[in-house]
Amino acid sequence: MNRRTAITHVAMMLGGALSAPTLLAMKRRDDRAPSEGFAIGFSLTESQKMIVAEVAEMIIPKTATPGAKDVGVPAFIGMMLQDCYKTPEHKSFLAGLDNLEKKQFLNLNAEQKMAVLKQVEMDSVEEMKAYQVQQTKMGDNEDREQMAAQAKGLPFWRLIKELTMLGYFTSEEGIKSSFEYVPIPGKLEMIKMKPNQKSFAY
């Protein structure tokens, strides 16, 4: 499966298109674009990395198939944020982690963690509405640069959910968990699909 197909599948699972910041981040990663205009020095503390790993694993837990941790999603999230996103997303992501740290997320039991994340998800609905209004105003306003400097980035929950699913379903293990994976190059041959057989991903 190529990256474009994987991104399409992730967008469908999220219920629509990926956000503009994430699409731009993926393009920047694929193009290996230079770092001009991107913040330098973004990093996560060890505690924040543990929270990222725990949240990612709760989004895609290990069952009969590998979980987010198994396929390296936490490291993928850190890499993408550091190398491919701009300051507004850095700020919103860190704000989300700060909120979870204040709730002592890592010390909660599984049920309490789930309740906290459900509340974060509910709060993100209003945050996304505010974010979309902000984007519209920035597009219509002449003072775009000043507004952009003060702009809030994509909400934490949307960021971590998109990056978790992108990291998982662009990994070989993630693809194999949902598709009949056929690596390229491979042998070209005619086959007959069996009843209820999963489609192939190249």
C-alpha atoms as a PDB file:
ATOM      1  CA  MET A   1       0.000   0.000   0.000  1.00  0.00           C
ATOM      2  CA  ASN A   2       1.412   3.409  -0.898  1.00  0.00           C
ATOM      3  CA  ARG A   3       1.288   6.396   1.469  1.00  0.00           C
ATOM      4  CA  ARG A   4      -1.539   8.122  -0.412  1.00  0.00           C
ATOM      5  CA  THR A   5      -3.769   5.062  -0.094  1.00  0.00           C
ATOM      6  CA  ALA A   6      -2.900   4.690   3.591  1.00  0.00           C
ATOM      7  CA  ILE A   7      -3.743   8.343   4.243  1.00  0.00           C
ATOM      8  CA  THR A   8      -7.092   7.887   2.461  1.00  0.00           C
ATOM      9  CA  HIS A   9      -7.934   4.934   4.709  1.00  0.00           C
ATOM     10  CA  VAL A  10      -6.971   6.910   7.821  1.00  0.00           C
ATOM     11  CA  ALA A  11      -9.125   9.856   6.728  1.00  0.00           C
ATOM     12  CA  MET A  12     -12.112   7.525   6.247  1.00  0.00           C
ATOM     13  CA  MET A  13     -11.594   6.071   9.733  1.00  0.00           C
ATOM     14  CA  LEU A  14     -11.566   9.595  11.180  1.00  0.00           C
ATOM     15  CA  GLY A  15     -14.880  10.296   9.486  1.00  0.00           C
ATOM     16  CA  GLY A  16     -13.647  12.723   6.844  1.00  0.00           C
ATOM     17  CA  ALA A  17     -10.601  14.487   5.473  1.00  0.00           C
ATOM     18  CA  LEU A  18      -7.392  14.864   7.434  1.00  0.00           C
ATOM     19  CA  SER A  19      -6.718  18.328   8.814  1.00  0.00           C
ATOM     20  CA  ALA A  20      -4.756  20.836   6.749  1.00  0.00           C
ATOM     21  CA  PRO A  21      -1.822  20.966   9.241  1.00  0.00           C
ATOM     22  CA  THR A  22      -1.471  17.179   9.104  1.00  0.00           C
ATOM     23  CA  LEU A  23      -1.653  17.055   5.304  1.00  0.00           C
ATOM     24  CA  LEU A  24       1.011  19.768   5.109  1.00  0.00           C
ATOM     25  CA  ALA A  25       3.123  17.920   7.665  1.00  0.00           C
ATOM     26  CA  MET A  26       2.922  14.697   5.643  1.00  0.00           C
ATOM     27  CA  LYS A  27       3.860  16.566   2.464  1.00  0.00           C
ATOM     28  CA  ARG A  28       6.791  18.187   4.240  1.00  0.00           C
ATOM     29  CA  ARG A  29       7.973  14.801   5.479  1.00  0.00           C
ATOM     30  CA  ASP A  30       7.670  13.192   2.049  1.00  0.00           C
ATOM     31  CA  ASP A  31       9.358  16.139   0.313  1.00  0.00           C
ATOM     32  CA  ARG A  32      12.130  16.285   2.948  1.00  0.00           C
ATOM     33  CA  ALA A  33      11.571  20.053   2.926  1.00  0.00           C
ATOM     34  CA  PRO A  34      14.119  22.415   4.544  1.00  0.00           C
ATOM     35  CA  SER A  35      13.384  23.675   8.059  1.00  0.00           C
ATOM     36  CA  GLU A  36      12.973  27.399   7.313  1.00  0.00           C
ATOM     37  CA  GLY A  37       9.895  28.779   9.042  1.00  0.00           C
ATOM     38  CA  PHE A  38       9.633  25.864  11.464  1.00  0.00           C
ATOM     39  CA  ALA A  39      10.245  26.127  15.176  1.00  0.00           C
ATOM     40  CA  ILE A  40      13.550  24.792  16.494  1.00  0.00           C
ATOM     41  CA  GLY A  41      13.912  23.053  19.820  1.00  0.00           C
ATOM     42  CA  PHE A  42      10.508  21.410  20.195  1.00  0.00           C
ATOM     43  CA  SER A  43      10.825  18.387  22.444  1.00  0.00           C
ATOM     44  CA  LEU A  44       8.878  16.320  24.936  1.00  0.00           C
ATOM     45  CA  THR A  45       9.888  15.445  28.481  1.00  0.00           C
ATOM     46  CA  GLU A  46      10.095  11.789  29.483  1.00  0.00           C
ATOM     47  CA  SER A  47       6.800  12.138  31.348  1.00  0.00           C
ATOM     48  CA  GLN A  48       5.142  13.656  28.271  1.00  0.00           C
ATOM     49  CA  LYS A  49       6.503  10.854  26.071  1.00  0.00           C
ATOM     50  CA  MET A  50       4.980   8.313  28.463  1.00  0.00           C
ATOM     51  CA  ILE A  51       1.608  10.077  28.252  1.00  0.00           C
ATOM     52  CA  VAL A  52       1.787  10.129  24.440  1.00  0.00           C
ATOM     53  CA  ALA A  53       2.573   6.404  24.407  1.00  0.00           C
ATOM     54  CA  GLU A  54      -0.263   5.597  26.813  1.00  0.00           C
ATOM     55  CA  VAL A  55      -2.843   7.672  24.902  1.00  0.00           C
ATOM     56  CA  ALA A  56      -1.756   6.192  21.555  1.00  0.00           C
ATOM     57  CA  GLU A  57      -2.064   2.684  22.983  1.00  0.00           C
ATOM     58  CA  MET A  58      -5.557   3.466  24.259  1.00  0.00           C
ATOM     59  CA  ILE A  59      -6.551   4.681  20.785  1.00  0.00           C
ATOM     60  CA  ILE A  60      -5.179   1.495  19.171  1.00  0.00           C
ATOM     61  CA  PRO A  61      -4.688  -1.121  21.903  1.00  0.00           C
ATOM     62  CA  LYS A  62      -2.950  -4.436  21.506  1.00  0.00           C
ATOM     63  CA  THR A  63      -5.435  -7.250  20.939  1.00  0.00           C
ATOM     64  CA  ALA A  64      -5.003 -10.125  18.495  1.00  0.00           C
ATOM     65  CA  THR A  65      -3.110  -7.569  16.434  1.00  0.00           C
ATOM     66  CA  PRO A  66      -0.239  -5.264  17.481  1.00  0.00           C
ATOM     67  CA  GLY A  67      -1.021  -2.087  19.401  1.00  0.00           C
ATOM     68  CA  ALA A  68       0.280   1.426  18.803  1.00  0.00           C
ATOM     69  CA  LYS A  69       3.313   0.891  21.023  1.00  0.00           C
ATOM     70  CA  ASP A  70       4.237  -2.325  19.234  1.00  0.00           C
ATOM     71  CA  VAL A  71       4.637  -0.599  15.862  1.00  0.00           C
ATOM     72  CA  GLY A  72       6.510   2.481  17.119  1.00  0.00           C
ATOM     73  CA  VAL A  73       3.663   5.004  16.987  1.00  0.00           C
ATOM     74  CA  PRO A  74       4.884   7.085  19.996  1.00  0.00           C
ATOM     75  CA  ALA A  75       8.250   7.716  18.319  1.00  0.00           C
ATOM     76  CA  PHE A  76       6.469   8.531  15.038  1.00  0.00           C
ATOM     77  CA  ILE A  77       4.311  11.133  16.807  1.00  0.00           C
ATOM     78  CA  GLY A  78       7.349  12.796  18.380  1.00  0.00           C
ATOM     79  CA  MET A  79       9.231  12.829  15.085  1.00  0.00           C
ATOM     80  CA  MET A  80       6.315  14.298  13.132  1.00  0.00           C
ATOM     81  CA  LEU A  81       5.672  17.039  15.676  1.00  0.00           C
ATOM     82  CA  GLN A  82       9.320  17.999  15.914  1.00  0.00           C
ATOM     83  CA  ASP A  83      10.127  17.931  12.208  1.00  0.00           C
ATOM     84  CA  CYS A  84       6.897  18.656  10.356  1.00  0.00           C
ATOM     85  CA  TYR A  85       4.528  20.873  12.374  1.00  0.00           C
ATOM     86  CA  LYS A  86       4.708  24.577  13.133  1.00  0.00           C
ATOM     87  CA  THR A  87       4.512  26.510  16.412  1.00  0.00           C
ATOM     88  CA  PRO A  88       0.690  26.695  16.778  1.00  0.00           C
ATOM     89  CA  GLU A  89       0.407  22.892  16.756  1.00  0.00           C
ATOM     90  CA  HIS A  90       3.374  22.603  19.135  1.00  0.00           C
ATOM     91  CA  LYS A  91       1.594  24.916  21.580  1.00  0.00           C
ATOM     92  CA  SER A  92      -1.752  23.156  21.395  1.00  0.00           C
ATOM     93  CA  PHE A  93      -0.169  19.719  21.729  1.00  0.00           C
ATOM     94  CA  LEU A  94       1.866  20.742  24.762  1.00  0.00           C
ATOM     95  CA  ALA A  95      -1.223  22.375  26.288  1.00  0.00           C
ATOM     96  CA  GLY A  96      -3.087  19.080  25.918  1.00  0.00           C
ATOM     97  CA  LEU A  97      -0.258  17.165  27.559  1.00  0.00           C
ATOM     98  CA  ASP A  98      -0.092  19.739  30.356  1.00  0.00           C
ATOM     99  CA  ASN A  99      -3.803  19.203  30.979  1.00  0.00           C
ATOM    100  CA  LEU A 100      -3.275  15.440  31.281  1.00  0.00           C
ATOM    101  CA  GLU A 101      -0.254  15.913  33.546  1.00  0.00           C
ATOM    102  CA  LYS A 102      -2.328  18.087  35.896  1.00  0.00           C
ATOM    103  CA  LYS A 103      -4.891  15.293  36.068  1.00  0.00           C
ATOM    104  CA  GLN A 104      -2.038  12.870  36.951  1.00  0.00           C
ATOM    105  CA  PHE A 105      -3.050  10.777  33.965  1.00  0.00           C
ATOM    106  CA  LEU A 106      -0.301   8.183  34.322  1.00  0.00           C
ATOM    107  CA  ASN A 107      -1.337   7.429  37.920  1.00  0.00           C
ATOM    108  CA  LEU A 108      -4.982   6.743  37.063  1.00  0.00           C
ATOM    109  CA  ASN A 109      -6.429   3.286  36.580  1.00  0.00           C
ATOM    110  CA  ALA A 110      -7.657   2.131  33.177  1.00  0.00           C
ATOM    111  CA  GLU A 111     -11.262   3.156  33.770  1.00  0.00           C
ATOM    112  CA  GLN A 112     -10.275   6.613  35.006  1.00  0.00           C
ATOM    113  CA  LYS A 113      -7.934   7.129  32.052  1.00  0.00           C
ATOM    114  CA  MET A 114     -10.730   6.258  29.645  1.00  0.00           C
ATOM    115  CA  ALA A 115     -13.074   8.723  31.362  1.00  0.00           C
ATOM    116  CA  VAL A 116     -10.471  11.500  31.117  1.00  0.00           C
ATOM    117  CA  LEU A 117      -9.901  10.841  27.406  1.00  0.00           C
ATOM    118  CA  LYS A 118     -13.635  10.768  26.695  1.00  0.00           C
ATOM    119  CA  GLN A 119     -13.902  14.206  28.297  1.00  0.00           C
ATOM    120  CA  VAL A 120     -10.919  15.449  26.274  1.00  0.00           C
ATOM    121  CA  GLU A 121     -12.639  14.167  23.123  1.00  0.00           C
ATOM    122  CA  MET A 122     -15.888  15.927  24.043  1.00  0.00           C
ATOM    123  CA  ASP A 123     -14.028  19.179  24.749  1.00  0.00           C
ATOM    124  CA  SER A 124     -12.258  18.929  21.405  1.00  0.00           C
ATOM    125  CA  VAL A 125     -15.590  19.278  19.570  1.00  0.00           C
ATOM    126  CA  GLU A 126     -15.898  22.885  20.758  1.00  0.00           C
ATOM    127  CA  GLU A 127     -12.167  23.449  20.266  1.00  0.00           C
ATOM    128  CA  MET A 128     -12.477  22.349  16.646  1.00  0.00           C
ATOM    129  CA  LYS A 129     -15.370  24.757  16.092  1.00  0.00           C
ATOM    130  CA  ALA A 130     -13.265  27.638  17.449  1.00  0.00           C
ATOM    131  CA  TYR A 131     -10.305  26.501  15.362  1.00  0.00           C
ATOM    132  CA  GLN A 132     -12.362  26.449  12.154  1.00  0.00           C
ATOM    133  CA  VAL A 133     -13.765  29.935  12.844  1.00  0.00           C
ATOM    134  CA  GLN A 134     -10.231  31.172  13.449  1.00  0.00           C
ATOM    135  CA  GLN A 135      -9.038  29.726  10.137  1.00  0.00           C
ATOM    136  CA  THR A 136     -11.891  31.446   8.273  1.00  0.00           C
ATOM    137  CA  LYS A 137     -11.153  34.812   9.851  1.00  0.00           C
ATOM    138  CA  MET A 138      -7.472  34.479   9.082  1.00  0.00           C
ATOM    139  CA  GLY A 139      -8.329  33.827   5.454  1.00  0.00           C
ATOM    140  CA  ASP A 140     -10.516  36.944   5.226  1.00  0.00           C
ATOM    141  CA  ASN A 141      -8.498  39.359   7.328  1.00  0.00           C
ATOM    142  CA  GLU A 142      -5.728  41.604   5.992  1.00  0.00           C
ATOM    143  CA  ASP A 143      -3.744  41.246   9.240  1.00  0.00           C
ATOM    144  CA  ARG A 144      -3.065  37.569   8.574  1.00  0.00           C
ATOM    145  CA  GLU A 145       0.521  37.533   9.842  1.00  0.00           C
ATOM    146  CA  GLN A 146      -0.391  39.073  13.177  1.00  0.00           C
ATOM    147  CA  MET A 147      -3.337  36.714  13.588  1.00  0.00           C
ATOM    148  CA  ALA A 148      -1.218  33.722  12.596  1.00  0.00           C
ATOM    149  CA  ALA A 149       1.317  34.576  15.320  1.00  0.00           C
ATOM    150  CA  GLN A 150      -1.443  34.490  17.926  1.00  0.00           C
ATOM    151  CA  ALA A 151      -3.331  31.562  16.419  1.00  0.00           C
ATOM    152  CA  LYS A 152      -4.051  28.388  18.298  1.00  0.00           C
ATOM    153  CA  GLY A 153      -3.112  25.198  16.544  1.00  0.00           C
ATOM    154  CA  LEU A 154      -5.156  22.127  15.803  1.00  0.00           C
ATOM    155  CA  PRO A 155      -6.551  20.801  19.125  1.00  0.00           C
ATOM    156  CA  PHE A 156      -4.489  18.206  20.990  1.00  0.00           C
ATOM    157  CA  TRP A 157      -7.006  15.378  20.650  1.00  0.00           C
ATOM    158  CA  ARG A 158      -7.353  15.791  16.884  1.00  0.00           C
ATOM    159  CA  LEU A 159      -3.561  15.916  16.517  1.00  0.00           C
ATOM    160  CA  ILE A 160      -2.794  12.834  18.571  1.00  0.00           C
ATOM    161  CA  LYS A 161      -5.647  10.852  17.029  1.00  0.00           C
ATOM    162  CA  GLU A 162      -4.571  11.678  13.464  1.00  0.00           C
ATOM    163  CA  LEU A 163      -0.913  10.979  14.167  1.00  0.00           C
ATOM    164  CA  THR A 164      -1.649   7.727  16.002  1.00  0.00           C
ATOM    165  CA  MET A 165      -3.666   6.397  13.087  1.00  0.00           C
ATOM    166  CA  LEU A 166      -1.205   7.670  10.485  1.00  0.00           C
ATOM    167  CA  GLY A 167       1.721   6.113  12.343  1.00  0.00           C
ATOM    168  CA  TYR A 168      -0.100   2.818  12.732  1.00  0.00           C
ATOM    169  CA  PHE A 169      -1.539   2.423   9.253  1.00  0.00           C
ATOM    170  CA  THR A 170       1.630   3.523   7.462  1.00  0.00           C
ATOM    171  CA  SER A 171       3.609   0.844   9.317  1.00  0.00           C
ATOM    172  CA  GLU A 172       3.979  -2.647   7.860  1.00  0.00           C
ATOM    173  CA  GLU A 173       2.476  -4.237  10.972  1.00  0.00           C
ATOM    174  CA  GLY A 174      -0.495  -1.882  10.889  1.00  0.00           C
ATOM    175  CA  ILE A 175      -1.181  -2.621   7.241  1.00  0.00           C
ATOM    176  CA  LYS A 176      -0.940  -6.362   7.827  1.00  0.00           C
ATOM    177  CA  SER A 177      -3.434  -6.143  10.679  1.00  0.00           C
ATOM    178  CA  SER A 178      -6.168  -4.858   8.343  1.00  0.00           C
ATOM    179  CA  PHE A 179      -5.196  -5.950   4.829  1.00  0.00           C
ATOM    180  CA  GLU A 180      -3.682  -8.827   2.938  1.00  0.00           C
ATOM    181  CA  TYR A 181      -0.258  -7.240   2.602  1.00  0.00           C
ATOM    182  CA  VAL A 182       1.614  -7.875  -0.651  1.00  0.00           C
ATOM    183  CA  PRO A 183       5.014  -6.163  -0.817  1.00  0.00           C
ATOM    184  CA  ILE A 184       6.350  -4.678  -4.049  1.00  0.00           C
ATOM    185  CA  PRO A 185       8.056  -5.872  -6.160  1.00  0.00           C
ATOM    186  CA  GLY A 186       6.118  -9.088  -6.345  1.00  0.00           C
ATOM    187  CA  LYS A 187       5.177 -11.771  -8.831  1.00  0.00           C
ATOM    188  CA  LEU A 188       2.378 -10.888 -11.243  1.00  0.00           C
ATOM    189  CA  GLU A 189      -0.158 -13.682 -11.382  1.00  0.00           C
ATOM    190  CA  MET A 190      -3.893 -14.145 -11.794  1.00  0.00           C
ATOM    191  CA  ILE A 191      -5.721 -15.277  -8.674  1.00  0.00           C
ATOM    192  CA  LYS A 192      -9.300 -16.092  -7.781  1.00  0.00           C
ATOM    193  CA  MET A 193     -10.646 -14.318  -4.685  1.00  0.00           C
ATOM    194  CA  LYS A 194     -12.101 -16.586  -2.032  1.00  0.00           C
ATOM    195  CA  PRO A 195     -15.488 -15.755  -0.413  1.00  0.00           C
ATOM    196  CA  ASN A 196     -15.109 -12.960   2.186  1.00  0.00           C
ATOM    197  CA  GLN A 197     -11.384 -12.641   1.450  1.00  0.00           C
ATOM    198  CA  LYS A 198      -9.848  -9.264   2.323  1.00  0.00           C
ATOM    199  CA  SER A 199      -8.772  -7.100  -0.593  1.00  0.00           C
ATOM    200  CA  PHE A 200      -5.070  -6.726  -1.282  1.00  0.00           C
ATOM    201  CA  ALA A 201      -3.025  -3.663  -0.371  1.00  0.00           C
ATOM    202  CA  TYR A 202       0.048  -2.927  -2.482  1.00  0.00           C
END
